[in-house]
Amino acid sequence: MIPIAFPLLGNEEKDAVLQVFSSGRLAQGNQVARFEHDFAQFCSVQEAVAVSSGTAALHLALLAHGIGPGDEVITTAFSFCATANVILLVGATPVFVDIEPDTYNIDPDLVERAITPRTKALLPVHLFGHPCEIDRLSQLAQRHHLVLIEDACQAHAAMVGSKPVGGFGTGCFSFYATKNMTTGEGGMVTTNDADISRRLRLLRSHGQKERYQHTDLGYNLRMTDIQAALGIVQLQKLQHMTMQRIANAAFLTEQLAGVVQTPTVRPGHHHVYHQYTIQVPHERDQWVVQLRERGVDVAVHYAVPIHQQPFYQARKEMFRCVSAHDSTTRTGAQVGGQLPYTEQAARHVLSLPVHPALSRADVMTITTEVLNLCH
């Protein structure tokens, strides 16, 4: 079976972890500080704060910006549920905006329609490794005095122009095992705001300004030196792994374009292909079964959008939706509601393997089996 994801971990990572074991310092220490420094440089930002997961990064970013009960946060329902769950966890209201049908990213025109006097933040997702229209969203945030938090958990090394994602607002990254770089679990928040950085460092460690001096109510969301040691090495390999992903994606597109809907890449946007996501013309779930039977593992991201998840459907009063089909204006997104492009994508998308561990024979097999299903 050709796997849908496969972390590339070598002797360098093993050696780095063994050095941490030998040091006797396993909790947040020098390796975490070095990883933060290196990641900040990589993202061209002043500060990076390491945390225990991508979800923790999103959660603490909202808290650090003072977002809470009574506030609205505009985001997308076509993402992993953590994107919206953290909004609820801080007591705010998710406002789901429909997506662009080609990139699957949040539609900036609809974002502007969704802004109300209660809107406090925009939380777009750079989905599948393709940056959203972050320049336009940044301008909207500035015009309406909103916080901009980037969910870049799938977009390590993605750029708009020459600027890396994570540097347009407060960036949130995940290092889960299937991501473009991994620490097993782990996350990072990037920022150019020294006050936000200080707040994040307090919140991730029980509000400790100094040892046993707790000035805030915080959490235990720290990163270990074991994770950071992995991250330092993985970051050094990230550009090479990214170029391999792009090369694999280019081969897939060359073979499959015109047969299925292949990924869109907007001009000036650097797609890093966390996922290579196509749309199949019919019977998507049958494609999943048949491709797996033929030795190609695939995945569906996401078969059930967040607003249609059972937890959200049972609590429709907790969120609102804005789509191009609504007759609502800036003052009235629907409670609950529908998102036609999001729901259409959920019925038809299919992710193929694109990771850097694939051989040329693997990518040829993937394209052959997809083409066989089309004929």
Protein backbone atom coordinates (compact mmCIF):
# COMPACT_ATOMS: atom_id res chain seq x y z
CA MET A 1 0.00 0.00 0.00
CA ILE A 2 1.33 3.43 -0.95
CA PRO A 3 0.61 5.44 2.24
CA ILE A 4 -1.25 8.74 2.23
CA ALA A 5 1.38 10.20 4.58
CA PHE A 6 4.80 9.14 5.80
CA PRO A 7 7.10 11.15 8.12
CA LEU A 8 10.71 11.29 6.96
CA LEU A 9 12.83 10.70 10.06
CA GLY A 10 16.48 9.74 9.77
CA ASN A 11 19.64 9.29 11.79
CA GLU A 12 19.93 13.04 12.33
CA GLU A 13 16.64 13.08 14.24
CA LYS A 14 17.64 9.98 16.23
CA ASP A 15 20.96 11.54 17.20
CA ALA A 16 19.29 14.80 18.21
CA VAL A 17 16.84 12.99 20.50
CA LEU A 18 19.59 10.87 22.06
CA GLN A 19 21.56 14.02 22.86
CA VAL A 20 18.53 15.33 24.76
CA PHE A 21 18.31 12.05 26.68
CA SER A 22 21.99 12.34 27.59
CA SER A 23 21.60 15.94 28.75
CA GLY A 24 19.07 15.02 31.43
CA ARG A 25 16.95 18.07 30.49
CA LEU A 26 13.77 16.74 28.90
CA ALA A 27 11.29 19.52 29.66
CA GLN A 28 11.21 22.94 28.03
CA GLY A 29 14.84 24.04 27.84
CA ASN A 30 17.63 25.04 25.48
CA GLN A 31 16.38 22.97 22.57
CA VAL A 32 12.97 24.66 22.71
CA ALA A 33 14.63 28.09 22.79
CA ARG A 34 16.78 27.20 19.78
CA PHE A 35 13.82 25.81 17.85
CA GLU A 36 11.85 28.98 18.53
CA HIS A 37 14.74 31.12 17.29
CA ASP A 38 15.24 29.05 14.14
CA PHE A 39 11.53 28.94 13.31
CA ALA A 40 11.14 32.69 13.79
CA GLN A 41 13.99 33.26 11.36
CA PHE A 42 12.48 30.81 8.88
CA CYS A 43 9.14 32.67 8.96
CA SER A 44 10.81 36.11 8.90
CA VAL A 45 9.16 37.15 12.16
CA GLN A 46 10.52 38.54 15.41
CA GLU A 47 9.07 35.94 17.78
CA ALA A 48 8.06 32.29 17.78
CA VAL A 49 6.56 30.56 20.82
CA ALA A 50 6.62 26.75 20.97
CA VAL A 51 3.60 24.91 22.39
CA SER A 52 2.31 21.36 22.69
CA SER A 53 0.16 21.17 19.53
CA GLY A 54 -1.33 23.12 16.66
CA THR A 55 -4.60 23.25 18.57
CA ALA A 56 -2.78 24.77 21.54
CA ALA A 57 -1.26 27.36 19.20
CA LEU A 58 -4.69 28.42 17.94
CA HIS A 59 -6.23 28.39 21.42
CA LEU A 60 -3.48 30.48 23.00
CA ALA A 61 -3.39 32.90 20.07
CA LEU A 62 -7.06 33.71 20.63
CA LEU A 63 -6.55 34.10 24.38
CA ALA A 64 -3.43 36.24 23.95
CA HIS A 65 -5.45 38.65 21.83
CA GLY A 66 -8.17 38.88 24.48
CA ILE A 67 -10.87 37.19 22.42
CA GLY A 68 -13.71 35.75 24.51
CA PRO A 69 -17.45 35.78 25.28
CA GLY A 70 -19.48 38.18 23.14
CA ASP A 71 -16.91 38.24 20.34
CA GLU A 72 -17.30 36.80 16.86
CA VAL A 73 -14.47 35.15 14.93
CA ILE A 74 -14.83 34.71 11.17
CA THR A 75 -13.41 31.44 9.87
CA THR A 76 -14.05 28.51 7.53
CA ALA A 77 -16.01 25.31 8.07
CA PHE A 78 -13.84 23.46 5.54
CA SER A 79 -11.02 22.57 7.90
CA PHE A 80 -10.17 20.25 10.76
CA CYS A 81 -12.55 20.83 13.66
CA ALA A 82 -9.83 22.35 15.88
CA THR A 83 -10.04 25.59 13.89
CA ALA A 84 -13.56 26.25 15.15
CA ASN A 85 -13.42 24.36 18.44
CA VAL A 86 -10.85 26.76 19.87
CA ILE A 87 -13.21 29.66 19.15
CA LEU A 88 -15.86 27.97 21.27
CA LEU A 89 -13.30 27.12 23.95
CA VAL A 90 -12.61 30.82 24.54
CA GLY A 91 -16.36 31.53 24.65
CA ALA A 92 -16.58 33.31 21.29
CA THR A 93 -18.91 32.65 18.33
CA PRO A 94 -17.63 31.07 15.09
CA VAL A 95 -18.98 32.72 11.95
CA PHE A 96 -18.41 30.32 9.06
CA VAL A 97 -17.87 31.87 5.64
CA ASP A 98 -18.15 29.82 2.46
CA ILE A 99 -15.06 28.91 0.44
CA GLU A 100 -13.73 29.60 -3.03
CA PRO A 101 -14.71 26.59 -5.15
CA ASP A 102 -11.26 26.22 -6.72
CA THR A 103 -8.76 26.77 -3.87
CA TYR A 104 -11.11 25.65 -1.05
CA ASN A 105 -9.88 28.63 0.97
CA ILE A 106 -12.14 31.16 2.67
CA ASP A 107 -13.75 33.65 0.25
CA PRO A 108 -12.53 37.17 1.13
CA ASP A 109 -15.55 38.83 -0.51
CA LEU A 110 -17.85 36.96 1.85
CA VAL A 111 -15.58 37.73 4.80
CA GLU A 112 -16.29 41.41 4.34
CA ARG A 113 -20.04 40.72 4.28
CA ALA A 114 -19.77 38.73 7.49
CA ILE A 115 -18.20 41.51 9.58
CA THR A 116 -20.47 42.89 12.31
CA PRO A 117 -19.88 45.19 15.30
CA ARG A 118 -19.17 42.03 17.34
CA THR A 119 -16.45 40.76 15.02
CA LYS A 120 -13.12 40.68 16.84
CA ALA A 121 -10.92 38.47 14.65
CA LEU A 122 -10.41 36.78 11.30
CA LEU A 123 -9.11 33.23 11.43
CA PRO A 124 -8.44 32.05 7.86
CA VAL A 125 -6.86 28.67 7.05
CA HIS A 126 -4.10 28.16 4.49
CA LEU A 127 -5.77 24.92 3.47
CA PHE A 128 -3.85 21.95 2.06
CA GLY A 129 -0.71 24.13 1.83
CA HIS A 130 -2.15 26.76 -0.54
CA PRO A 131 -2.09 30.22 1.04
CA CYS A 132 -5.43 31.96 1.24
CA GLU A 133 -5.75 35.52 -0.09
CA ILE A 134 -4.03 36.78 3.00
CA ASP A 135 -3.13 40.19 1.55
CA ARG A 136 -6.81 41.02 1.07
CA LEU A 137 -7.73 39.62 4.47
CA SER A 138 -4.93 41.61 6.09
CA GLN A 139 -6.29 44.79 4.50
CA LEU A 140 -9.79 43.94 5.77
CA ALA A 141 -8.43 43.34 9.26
CA GLN A 142 -6.63 46.68 9.29
CA ARG A 143 -9.62 48.57 7.91
CA HIS A 144 -12.00 47.14 10.52
CA HIS A 145 -9.47 47.01 13.39
CA LEU A 146 -9.62 43.22 13.66
CA VAL A 147 -7.12 40.67 14.89
CA LEU A 148 -5.73 38.45 12.12
CA ILE A 149 -4.82 34.90 13.18
CA GLU A 150 -3.47 32.59 10.47
CA ASP A 151 -4.16 28.89 10.74
CA ALA A 152 -0.98 27.77 8.97
CA CYS A 153 -1.05 24.26 10.43
CA GLN A 154 -0.89 22.79 6.91
CA ALA A 155 1.30 25.42 5.31
CA HIS A 156 4.91 25.29 6.55
CA ALA A 157 7.10 27.11 3.99
CA ALA A 158 4.13 28.43 1.99
CA MET A 159 4.48 32.02 0.79
CA VAL A 160 2.61 34.85 -0.84
CA GLY A 161 5.10 36.64 -3.01
CA SER A 162 8.32 36.49 -1.04
CA LYS A 163 6.64 36.63 2.38
CA PRO A 164 6.13 33.40 4.35
CA VAL A 165 2.72 32.65 5.83
CA GLY A 166 2.61 33.15 9.57
CA GLY A 167 4.02 36.66 9.21
CA PHE A 168 0.90 38.49 8.04
CA GLY A 169 -0.82 38.23 11.42
CA THR A 170 -0.39 35.89 14.35
CA GLY A 171 0.61 32.56 12.78
CA CYS A 172 -0.28 29.12 14.15
CA PHE A 173 1.56 25.97 13.04
CA SER A 174 1.21 22.26 13.81
CA PHE A 175 3.97 19.66 13.89
CA TYR A 176 1.71 16.62 14.05
CA ALA A 177 3.09 13.40 12.56
CA THR A 178 1.46 13.85 9.14
CA LYS A 179 2.44 17.50 8.64
CA ASN A 180 5.08 18.77 6.20
CA MET A 181 7.53 18.73 9.13
CA THR A 182 6.95 16.95 12.41
CA THR A 183 7.87 16.72 16.06
CA GLY A 184 5.32 13.94 16.62
CA GLU A 185 3.06 16.44 18.36
CA GLY A 186 3.75 20.11 18.84
CA GLY A 187 2.93 23.58 17.61
CA MET A 188 4.27 27.12 17.20
CA VAL A 189 2.84 30.62 17.32
CA THR A 190 4.60 33.31 15.28
CA THR A 191 4.24 37.04 15.83
CA ASN A 192 5.91 40.42 15.41
CA ASP A 193 4.20 41.73 18.55
CA ALA A 194 6.39 41.51 21.66
CA ASP A 195 3.39 41.92 23.99
CA ILE A 196 1.56 39.01 22.37
CA SER A 197 4.71 36.90 22.64
CA ARG A 198 5.02 37.64 26.35
CA ARG A 199 1.36 36.81 26.86
CA LEU A 200 1.74 33.50 25.00
CA ARG A 201 4.72 32.49 27.12
CA LEU A 202 2.74 33.16 30.29
CA LEU A 203 -0.34 31.28 29.10
CA ARG A 204 1.53 28.16 27.99
CA SER A 205 3.11 27.68 31.42
CA HIS A 206 0.47 28.26 34.11
CA GLY A 207 0.89 32.03 33.98
CA GLN A 208 4.40 31.88 35.45
CA LYS A 209 6.43 35.03 34.94
CA GLU A 210 9.13 33.53 37.15
CA ARG A 211 9.37 30.13 38.78
CA TYR A 212 6.42 29.75 41.19
CA GLN A 213 5.36 33.35 40.54
CA HIS A 214 1.97 33.07 38.81
CA THR A 215 0.67 36.38 37.48
CA ASP A 216 -2.00 34.96 35.17
CA LEU A 217 -4.32 31.99 34.87
CA GLY A 218 -2.61 29.73 32.37
CA TYR A 219 -2.24 26.19 31.09
CA ASN A 220 0.34 23.45 30.75
CA LEU A 221 0.84 23.61 26.99
CA ARG A 222 4.61 23.54 26.82
CA MET A 223 6.82 21.78 24.30
CA THR A 224 9.46 19.28 25.43
CA ASP A 225 13.12 19.39 24.45
CA ILE A 226 12.64 16.00 22.79
CA GLN A 227 10.06 17.47 20.43
CA ALA A 228 12.15 20.59 19.85
CA ALA A 229 15.24 18.53 18.99
CA LEU A 230 13.21 16.77 16.30
CA GLY A 231 11.88 20.11 15.09
CA ILE A 232 15.32 21.68 14.72
CA VAL A 233 16.44 18.89 12.40
CA GLN A 234 13.14 18.72 10.52
CA LEU A 235 13.25 22.47 9.90
CA GLN A 236 16.69 22.09 8.32
CA LYS A 237 15.20 19.53 5.93
CA LEU A 238 11.95 21.35 5.27
CA GLN A 239 12.91 23.12 2.07
CA HIS A 240 14.20 19.91 0.48
CA MET A 241 11.10 17.99 1.54
CA THR A 242 8.90 20.79 0.24
CA MET A 243 10.56 20.77 -3.17
CA GLN A 244 9.96 17.03 -3.40
CA ARG A 245 6.29 17.53 -2.57
CA ILE A 246 6.05 20.18 -5.29
CA ALA A 247 7.78 17.89 -7.80
CA ASN A 248 5.40 15.03 -6.97
CA ALA A 249 2.43 17.37 -7.29
CA ALA A 250 3.66 18.65 -10.66
CA PHE A 251 3.87 15.09 -12.00
CA LEU A 252 0.38 14.26 -10.75
CA THR A 253 -1.05 17.42 -12.31
CA GLU A 254 0.68 16.80 -15.62
CA GLN A 255 -0.88 13.34 -15.82
CA LEU A 256 -4.32 14.08 -14.38
CA ALA A 257 -5.21 17.59 -15.58
CA GLY A 258 -8.32 17.54 -17.74
CA VAL A 259 -9.41 14.20 -16.31
CA VAL A 260 -10.17 15.29 -12.76
CA GLN A 261 -10.13 18.73 -11.13
CA THR A 262 -6.52 19.12 -9.99
CA PRO A 263 -5.32 21.65 -7.39
CA THR A 264 -5.46 25.33 -8.30
CA VAL A 265 -2.41 27.52 -7.66
CA ARG A 266 -3.09 31.24 -7.61
CA PRO A 267 -0.44 33.52 -9.18
CA GLY A 268 2.03 34.71 -6.58
CA HIS A 269 1.03 31.95 -4.14
CA HIS A 270 3.56 29.26 -3.24
CA HIS A 271 1.64 25.99 -2.71
CA VAL A 272 3.49 23.46 -0.51
CA TYR A 273 1.05 20.55 -0.97
CA HIS A 274 0.36 19.31 2.50
CA GLN A 275 -2.36 17.50 0.59
CA TYR A 276 -2.80 16.93 -3.13
CA THR A 277 -6.58 17.23 -3.33
CA ILE A 278 -8.58 16.53 -6.45
CA GLN A 279 -12.32 16.53 -7.15
CA VAL A 280 -13.68 13.37 -8.72
CA PRO A 281 -16.67 13.57 -11.05
CA HIS A 282 -18.86 10.93 -9.37
CA GLU A 283 -19.03 8.22 -6.70
CA ARG A 284 -16.19 9.64 -4.60
CA ASP A 285 -16.59 7.05 -1.84
CA GLN A 286 -16.33 4.26 -4.40
CA TRP A 287 -13.08 5.80 -5.62
CA VAL A 288 -11.75 5.61 -2.07
CA VAL A 289 -12.57 1.90 -1.83
CA GLN A 290 -11.24 1.02 -5.28
CA LEU A 291 -7.99 2.96 -5.00
CA ARG A 292 -7.24 1.31 -1.67
CA GLU A 293 -8.00 -2.08 -3.19
CA ARG A 294 -5.44 -1.23 -5.89
CA GLY A 295 -2.75 -0.35 -3.36
CA VAL A 296 -3.08 3.43 -3.19
CA ASP A 297 -4.11 4.84 0.18
CA VAL A 298 -6.21 7.99 -0.09
CA ALA A 299 -8.04 10.28 2.32
CA VAL A 300 -11.02 12.62 2.31
CA HIS A 301 -10.41 16.10 3.75
CA TYR A 302 -13.11 16.80 4.80
CA ALA A 303 -16.13 14.53 4.32
CA VAL A 304 -18.15 16.36 6.98
CA PRO A 305 -17.58 20.13 7.23
CA ILE A 306 -17.43 21.58 10.72
CA HIS A 307 -20.88 23.20 10.62
CA GLN A 308 -22.40 19.80 9.77
CA GLN A 309 -20.59 17.86 12.49
CA PRO A 310 -23.00 16.27 15.01
CA PHE A 311 -21.77 18.46 17.87
CA TYR A 312 -22.46 21.65 15.88
CA GLN A 313 -25.75 20.46 14.39
CA ALA A 314 -27.04 19.85 17.91
CA ARG A 315 -26.07 23.42 18.89
CA LYS A 316 -26.92 25.59 15.89
CA GLU A 317 -27.33 28.63 18.10
CA MET A 318 -23.57 28.58 18.75
CA PHE A 319 -22.49 29.51 15.22
CA ARG A 320 -23.55 31.35 12.09
CA CYS A 321 -22.95 30.88 8.36
CA VAL A 322 -22.43 33.32 5.49
CA SER A 323 -22.57 32.26 1.83
CA ALA A 324 -23.06 33.90 -1.54
CA HIS A 325 -26.58 32.44 -1.60
CA ASP A 326 -27.67 34.32 1.51
CA SER A 327 -29.87 37.36 1.24
CA THR A 328 -28.31 38.60 4.47
CA THR A 329 -26.15 41.68 4.63
CA ARG A 330 -23.32 42.69 6.92
CA THR A 331 -25.69 42.79 9.88
CA GLY A 332 -27.21 39.33 9.60
CA ALA A 333 -25.50 36.03 8.90
CA GLN A 334 -27.79 33.06 9.40
CA VAL A 335 -27.85 31.20 12.69
CA GLY A 336 -26.83 27.71 11.65
CA GLY A 337 -27.21 27.93 7.89
CA GLN A 338 -25.75 26.36 4.78
CA LEU A 339 -22.48 26.75 2.90
CA PRO A 340 -23.03 25.47 -0.66
CA TYR A 341 -19.45 25.48 -1.96
CA THR A 342 -18.15 23.97 1.27
CA GLU A 343 -20.76 21.23 1.15
CA GLN A 344 -20.11 20.55 -2.54
CA ALA A 345 -16.38 20.19 -1.92
CA ALA A 346 -17.04 17.83 0.97
CA ARG A 347 -18.94 15.53 -1.38
CA HIS A 348 -16.30 15.41 -4.11
CA VAL A 349 -12.77 15.99 -2.78
CA LEU A 350 -10.19 13.22 -2.56
CA SER A 351 -6.58 13.53 -1.40
CA LEU A 352 -3.86 11.48 -3.11
CA PRO A 353 -0.40 10.71 -1.68
CA VAL A 354 2.08 13.51 -2.43
CA HIS A 355 4.59 13.24 0.44
CA PRO A 356 8.38 13.32 -0.15
CA ALA A 357 8.88 9.62 0.67
CA LEU A 358 7.18 8.66 -2.61
CA SER A 359 9.34 7.15 -5.35
CA ARG A 360 8.84 7.90 -9.03
CA ALA A 361 7.34 4.43 -9.36
CA ASP A 362 4.86 5.33 -6.62
CA VAL A 363 3.64 8.51 -8.31
CA MET A 364 3.37 6.67 -11.63
CA THR A 365 1.26 3.99 -9.93
CA ILE A 366 -0.98 6.63 -8.36
CA THR A 367 -1.64 8.34 -11.69
CA THR A 368 -2.18 5.03 -13.49
CA GLU A 369 -4.76 3.83 -11.00
CA VAL A 370 -6.62 7.16 -10.99
CA LEU A 371 -6.71 7.18 -14.80
CA ASN A 372 -7.97 3.59 -14.81
CA LEU A 373 -10.94 4.67 -12.71
CA CYS A 374 -11.73 7.46 -15.15
CA HIS A 375 -12.03 5.17 -18.18
